[in-house]
Amino acid sequence: MVSVILDNLAEGVSEEEILKSYPSLRFEDIKAAIAYAAELSRERLVSVTA
């Protein structure tokens, strides 16, 4: 469902419209999807010791 929310937002669909289209969702779900996407996009450095 995260990808559905993000796809809709990327297409310019408002949060209110998303909530109307998917009545099982709450506003907090949309915020969580955005936070999850932000976390996945962060760059991380990993130390590798040989």
C-alpha atoms as a PDB file:
ATOM      1  CA  MET A   1       0.000   0.000   0.000  1.00  0.00           C
ATOM      2  CA  VAL A   2       2.989   2.303   0.483  1.00  0.00           C
ATOM      3  CA  SER A   3       3.636   2.333  -3.259  1.00  0.00           C
ATOM      4  CA  VAL A   4      -0.030   3.119  -3.974  1.00  0.00           C
ATOM      5  CA  ILE A   5       0.065   6.095  -1.621  1.00  0.00           C
ATOM      6  CA  LEU A   6       3.359   7.379  -3.024  1.00  0.00           C
ATOM      7  CA  ASP A   7       2.241   6.879  -6.637  1.00  0.00           C
ATOM      8  CA  ASN A   8      -0.909   8.872  -5.954  1.00  0.00           C
ATOM      9  CA  LEU A   9       0.995  11.681  -4.253  1.00  0.00           C
ATOM     10  CA  ALA A  10       3.509  11.773  -7.111  1.00  0.00           C
ATOM     11  CA  GLU A  11       0.612  12.146  -9.560  1.00  0.00           C
ATOM     12  CA  GLY A  12      -0.659  15.146  -7.614  1.00  0.00           C
ATOM     13  CA  VAL A  13      -3.589  13.418  -5.926  1.00  0.00           C
ATOM     14  CA  SER A  14      -4.392  15.204  -2.681  1.00  0.00           C
ATOM     15  CA  GLU A  15      -4.301  13.438   0.655  1.00  0.00           C
ATOM     16  CA  GLU A  16      -8.041  13.995   0.990  1.00  0.00           C
ATOM     17  CA  GLU A  17      -8.680  12.318  -2.368  1.00  0.00           C
ATOM     18  CA  ILE A  18      -6.504   9.351  -1.403  1.00  0.00           C
ATOM     19  CA  LEU A  19      -8.448   8.938   1.823  1.00  0.00           C
ATOM     20  CA  LYS A  20     -11.746   9.032  -0.105  1.00  0.00           C
ATOM     21  CA  SER A  21     -10.494   6.422  -2.581  1.00  0.00           C
ATOM     22  CA  TYR A  22      -9.137   4.144   0.154  1.00  0.00           C
ATOM     23  CA  PRO A  23     -11.488   4.470   3.140  1.00  0.00           C
ATOM     24  CA  SER A  24      -9.484   2.013   5.250  1.00  0.00           C
ATOM     25  CA  LEU A  25      -6.563   4.471   5.284  1.00  0.00           C
ATOM     26  CA  ARG A  26      -6.042   7.232   7.804  1.00  0.00           C
ATOM     27  CA  PHE A  27      -4.042  10.436   7.460  1.00  0.00           C
ATOM     28  CA  GLU A  28      -1.386   8.885   9.697  1.00  0.00           C
ATOM     29  CA  ASP A  29      -0.957   6.080   7.140  1.00  0.00           C
ATOM     30  CA  ILE A  30      -0.072   8.613   4.456  1.00  0.00           C
ATOM     31  CA  LYS A  31       2.463  10.283   6.742  1.00  0.00           C
ATOM     32  CA  ALA A  32       3.936   6.874   7.604  1.00  0.00           C
ATOM     33  CA  ALA A  33       4.311   6.000   3.901  1.00  0.00           C
ATOM     34  CA  ILE A  34       6.156   9.253   3.267  1.00  0.00           C
ATOM     35  CA  ALA A  35       8.403   8.695   6.295  1.00  0.00           C
ATOM     36  CA  TYR A  36       9.148   5.146   5.142  1.00  0.00           C
ATOM     37  CA  ALA A  37      10.102   6.359   1.661  1.00  0.00           C
ATOM     38  CA  ALA A  38      12.322   9.039   3.171  1.00  0.00           C
ATOM     39  CA  GLU A  39      14.073   6.442   5.312  1.00  0.00           C
ATOM     40  CA  LEU A  40      14.697   4.199   2.306  1.00  0.00           C
ATOM     41  CA  SER A  41      16.195   7.073   0.335  1.00  0.00           C
ATOM     42  CA  ARG A  42      18.798   8.005   2.959  1.00  0.00           C
ATOM     43  CA  GLU A  43      22.394   7.264   2.097  1.00  0.00           C
ATOM     44  CA  ARG A  44      24.299   5.207   4.592  1.00  0.00           C
ATOM     45  CA  LEU A  45      27.970   4.458   4.935  1.00  0.00           C
ATOM     46  CA  VAL A  46      28.845   0.979   6.038  1.00  0.00           C
ATOM     47  CA  SER A  47      32.305   0.181   7.333  1.00  0.00           C
ATOM     48  CA  VAL A  48      33.703  -3.081   6.079  1.00  0.00           C
ATOM     49  CA  THR A  49      36.701  -4.483   7.880  1.00  0.00           C
ATOM     50  CA  ALA A  50      38.771  -7.169   6.287  1.00  0.00           C
END
